Amino acid sequence: MTIPPILVTLILGGIAGWLASLIVGGSGGIIRNIIIGLVGAVVGHFVLGALGLRLGGPFLHSMIAAVLGGVIVIVVSRFLSR
């Protein structure tokens, strides 16, 4: 049995968002974590690509980018909500 790619993406996005919220501090539900992880992945890949950084293999690089991007998304959203 194979797992649909969209389900894998949502699970990894949720993990990345959860890790980002642990790093920055905060709370939220699974939907918030998934959104932060998915948006964070885009932001993180952009930032790491602009810096020319490649960290580890494809999976590790993607998770680091998603968590880093998630942290950026949380910090920026907190700054804008003030």
N, C-alpha and C. Protein backbone atom coordinates (compact mmCIF):
# COMPACT_ATOMS: atom_id res chain seq x y z
N MET A 1 0.84 -1.16 0.00
CA MET A 1 0.00 0.00 0.00
C MET A 1 0.90 1.24 0.00
N THR A 2 0.61 2.18 -0.87
CA THR A 2 1.38 3.41 -0.92
C THR A 2 0.58 4.55 -0.31
N ILE A 3 1.32 5.49 0.26
CA ILE A 3 0.69 6.66 0.86
C ILE A 3 0.65 7.75 -0.20
N PRO A 4 -0.52 8.38 -0.39
CA PRO A 4 -0.61 9.45 -1.39
C PRO A 4 0.35 10.60 -1.06
N PRO A 5 1.02 11.15 -2.07
CA PRO A 5 1.98 12.22 -1.84
C PRO A 5 1.40 13.42 -1.09
N ILE A 6 0.15 13.76 -1.33
CA ILE A 6 -0.45 14.90 -0.65
C ILE A 6 -0.54 14.64 0.85
N LEU A 7 -0.81 13.41 1.23
CA LEU A 7 -0.88 13.06 2.65
C LEU A 7 0.49 13.17 3.30
N VAL A 8 1.52 12.72 2.60
CA VAL A 8 2.89 12.83 3.10
C VAL A 8 3.26 14.30 3.27
N THR A 9 2.90 15.13 2.29
CA THR A 9 3.18 16.56 2.35
C THR A 9 2.50 17.20 3.54
N LEU A 10 1.25 16.86 3.79
CA LEU A 10 0.51 17.42 4.93
C LEU A 10 1.11 16.98 6.26
N ILE A 11 1.51 15.73 6.34
CA ILE A 11 2.11 15.22 7.58
C ILE A 11 3.45 15.91 7.85
N LEU A 12 4.30 16.00 6.83
CA LEU A 12 5.60 16.65 7.00
C LEU A 12 5.43 18.14 7.27
N GLY A 13 4.45 18.77 6.64
CA GLY A 13 4.16 20.18 6.92
C GLY A 13 3.72 20.38 8.36
N GLY A 14 2.90 19.46 8.86
CA GLY A 14 2.47 19.54 10.26
C GLY A 14 3.63 19.37 11.23
N ILE A 15 4.53 18.46 10.92
CA ILE A 15 5.70 18.26 11.78
C ILE A 15 6.60 19.49 11.75
N ALA A 16 6.83 20.04 10.56
CA ALA A 16 7.68 21.23 10.44
C ALA A 16 7.06 22.42 11.16
N GLY A 17 5.76 22.61 11.03
CA GLY A 17 5.09 23.71 11.73
C GLY A 17 5.12 23.53 13.23
N TRP A 18 4.96 22.31 13.68
CA TRP A 18 5.01 22.02 15.11
C TRP A 18 6.41 22.31 15.66
N LEU A 19 7.44 21.87 14.94
CA LEU A 19 8.82 22.13 15.37
C LEU A 19 9.11 23.63 15.40
N ALA A 20 8.63 24.35 14.40
CA ALA A 20 8.83 25.80 14.36
C ALA A 20 8.16 26.48 15.54
N SER A 21 6.95 26.03 15.89
CA SER A 21 6.26 26.63 17.04
C SER A 21 6.94 26.27 18.35
N LEU A 22 7.59 25.12 18.41
CA LEU A 22 8.37 24.77 19.60
C LEU A 22 9.59 25.68 19.74
N ILE A 23 10.23 25.97 18.63
CA ILE A 23 11.43 26.81 18.65
C ILE A 23 11.09 28.24 19.05
N VAL A 24 10.05 28.80 18.45
CA VAL A 24 9.69 30.19 18.69
C VAL A 24 8.82 30.34 19.94
N GLY A 25 8.09 29.32 20.24
CA GLY A 25 7.15 29.38 21.36
C GLY A 25 5.79 29.78 20.85
N GLY A 26 4.81 29.09 21.26
CA GLY A 26 3.47 29.39 20.81
C GLY A 26 2.63 28.13 20.83
N SER A 27 1.39 28.32 20.55
CA SER A 27 0.49 27.18 20.54
C SER A 27 -0.39 27.28 19.30
N GLY A 28 -1.02 26.22 19.00
CA GLY A 28 -1.91 26.18 17.85
C GLY A 28 -2.29 24.75 17.57
N GLY A 29 -3.28 24.60 16.75
CA GLY A 29 -3.75 23.27 16.43
C GLY A 29 -3.02 22.69 15.23
N ILE A 30 -3.45 21.52 14.84
CA ILE A 30 -2.81 20.79 13.76
C ILE A 30 -2.95 21.54 12.44
N ILE A 31 -4.09 22.18 12.20
CA ILE A 31 -4.29 22.92 10.95
C ILE A 31 -3.32 24.09 10.87
N ARG A 32 -3.16 24.81 11.98
CA ARG A 32 -2.21 25.94 12.02
C ARG A 32 -0.79 25.43 11.77
N ASN A 33 -0.42 24.33 12.38
CA ASN A 33 0.91 23.77 12.17
C ASN A 33 1.15 23.36 10.72
N ILE A 34 0.16 22.77 10.10
CA ILE A 34 0.29 22.36 8.70
C ILE A 34 0.47 23.58 7.82
N ILE A 35 -0.33 24.61 8.04
CA ILE A 35 -0.23 25.83 7.23
C ILE A 35 1.13 26.48 7.42
N ILE A 36 1.59 26.59 8.66
CA ILE A 36 2.90 27.18 8.93
C ILE A 36 4.00 26.35 8.27
N GLY A 37 3.89 25.04 8.36
CA GLY A 37 4.90 24.17 7.74
C GLY A 37 4.93 24.29 6.23
N LEU A 38 3.76 24.35 5.60
CA LEU A 38 3.71 24.43 4.14
C LEU A 38 4.18 25.79 3.64
N VAL A 39 3.70 26.86 4.26
CA VAL A 39 4.15 28.20 3.87
C VAL A 39 5.63 28.36 4.22
N GLY A 40 6.01 27.84 5.38
CA GLY A 40 7.40 27.90 5.80
C GLY A 40 8.33 27.17 4.85
N ALA A 41 7.87 26.08 4.26
CA ALA A 41 8.71 25.34 3.30
C ALA A 41 9.03 26.22 2.09
N VAL A 42 8.04 26.94 1.61
CA VAL A 42 8.26 27.83 0.47
C VAL A 42 9.23 28.94 0.85
N VAL A 43 8.99 29.58 1.99
CA VAL A 43 9.86 30.67 2.46
C VAL A 43 11.27 30.15 2.72
N GLY A 44 11.38 29.04 3.41
CA GLY A 44 12.68 28.48 3.74
C GLY A 44 13.50 28.08 2.52
N HIS A 45 12.85 27.47 1.54
CA HIS A 45 13.57 27.09 0.32
C HIS A 45 14.02 28.33 -0.44
N PHE A 46 13.20 29.37 -0.43
CA PHE A 46 13.60 30.63 -1.07
C PHE A 46 14.82 31.23 -0.38
N VAL A 47 14.78 31.30 0.96
CA VAL A 47 15.88 31.90 1.72
C VAL A 47 17.16 31.09 1.55
N LEU A 48 17.09 29.79 1.72
CA LEU A 48 18.29 28.96 1.58
C LEU A 48 18.83 28.99 0.16
N GLY A 49 17.92 29.01 -0.82
CA GLY A 49 18.35 29.11 -2.21
C GLY A 49 19.04 30.43 -2.51
N ALA A 50 18.49 31.52 -1.95
CA ALA A 50 19.09 32.84 -2.16
C ALA A 50 20.47 32.92 -1.52
N LEU A 51 20.66 32.21 -0.42
CA LEU A 51 21.95 32.19 0.25
C LEU A 51 22.91 31.16 -0.35
N GLY A 52 22.39 30.32 -1.24
CA GLY A 52 23.22 29.29 -1.87
C GLY A 52 23.57 28.14 -0.94
N LEU A 53 22.72 27.90 0.05
CA LEU A 53 22.99 26.84 1.02
C LEU A 53 22.24 25.56 0.65
N ARG A 54 22.92 24.45 0.80
CA ARG A 54 22.32 23.13 0.61
C ARG A 54 22.72 22.30 1.82
N LEU A 55 21.76 21.95 2.66
CA LEU A 55 22.03 21.27 3.92
C LEU A 55 21.60 19.82 3.87
N GLY A 56 22.55 18.90 3.87
CA GLY A 56 22.24 17.48 3.91
C GLY A 56 21.61 16.98 2.62
N GLY A 57 20.98 15.83 2.73
CA GLY A 57 20.30 15.22 1.59
C GLY A 57 18.97 15.91 1.31
N PRO A 58 18.26 15.44 0.31
CA PRO A 58 17.01 16.10 -0.07
C PRO A 58 15.98 16.18 1.06
N PHE A 59 15.78 15.09 1.78
CA PHE A 59 14.78 15.10 2.86
C PHE A 59 15.20 16.03 3.99
N LEU A 60 16.43 15.91 4.44
CA LEU A 60 16.92 16.74 5.54
C LEU A 60 16.91 18.21 5.15
N HIS A 61 17.34 18.52 3.94
CA HIS A 61 17.33 19.90 3.47
C HIS A 61 15.91 20.46 3.46
N SER A 62 14.96 19.68 2.99
CA SER A 62 13.57 20.13 2.93
C SER A 62 12.99 20.36 4.32
N MET A 63 13.30 19.47 5.26
CA MET A 63 12.78 19.65 6.62
C MET A 63 13.41 20.87 7.30
N ILE A 64 14.72 21.04 7.13
CA ILE A 64 15.38 22.21 7.71
C ILE A 64 14.80 23.48 7.10
N ALA A 65 14.62 23.50 5.80
CA ALA A 65 14.06 24.67 5.12
C ALA A 65 12.65 24.96 5.62
N ALA A 66 11.83 23.93 5.78
CA ALA A 66 10.46 24.12 6.24
C ALA A 66 10.41 24.63 7.67
N VAL A 67 11.24 24.10 8.54
CA VAL A 67 11.26 24.55 9.94
C VAL A 67 11.80 25.98 10.02
N LEU A 68 12.90 26.26 9.31
CA LEU A 68 13.45 27.61 9.29
C LEU A 68 12.43 28.60 8.74
N GLY A 69 11.80 28.25 7.64
CA GLY A 69 10.77 29.10 7.06
C GLY A 69 9.58 29.27 7.99
N GLY A 70 9.21 28.22 8.69
CA GLY A 70 8.12 28.31 9.67
C GLY A 70 8.44 29.28 10.78
N VAL A 71 9.68 29.24 11.25
CA VAL A 71 10.10 30.19 12.28
C VAL A 71 10.00 31.61 11.75
N ILE A 72 10.46 31.82 10.52
CA ILE A 72 10.37 33.15 9.91
C ILE A 72 8.93 33.60 9.78
N VAL A 73 8.05 32.71 9.33
CA VAL A 73 6.63 33.04 9.17
C VAL A 73 6.01 33.43 10.51
N ILE A 74 6.30 32.68 11.57
CA ILE A 74 5.74 32.99 12.88
C ILE A 74 6.25 34.34 13.39
N VAL A 75 7.55 34.58 13.26
CA VAL A 75 8.12 35.83 13.75
C VAL A 75 7.56 37.02 12.99
N VAL A 76 7.50 36.91 11.67
CA VAL A 76 6.96 38.01 10.86
C VAL A 76 5.48 38.24 11.15
N SER A 77 4.71 37.18 11.32
CA SER A 77 3.28 37.35 11.62
C SER A 77 3.07 37.99 12.98
N ARG A 78 3.90 37.66 13.94
CA ARG A 78 3.81 38.31 15.25
C ARG A 78 4.16 39.79 15.16
N PHE A 79 5.18 40.10 14.37
CA PHE A 79 5.60 41.49 14.19
C PHE A 79 4.49 42.30 13.52
N LEU A 80 3.86 41.73 12.48
CA LEU A 80 2.81 42.43 11.75
C LEU A 80 1.52 42.57 12.54
N SER A 81 1.29 41.69 13.50
CA SER A 81 0.04 41.74 14.27
C SER A 81 0.09 42.74 15.42
N ARG A 82 1.23 43.34 15.64
CA ARG A 82 1.35 44.35 16.73
C ARG A 82 0.75 45.65 16.34
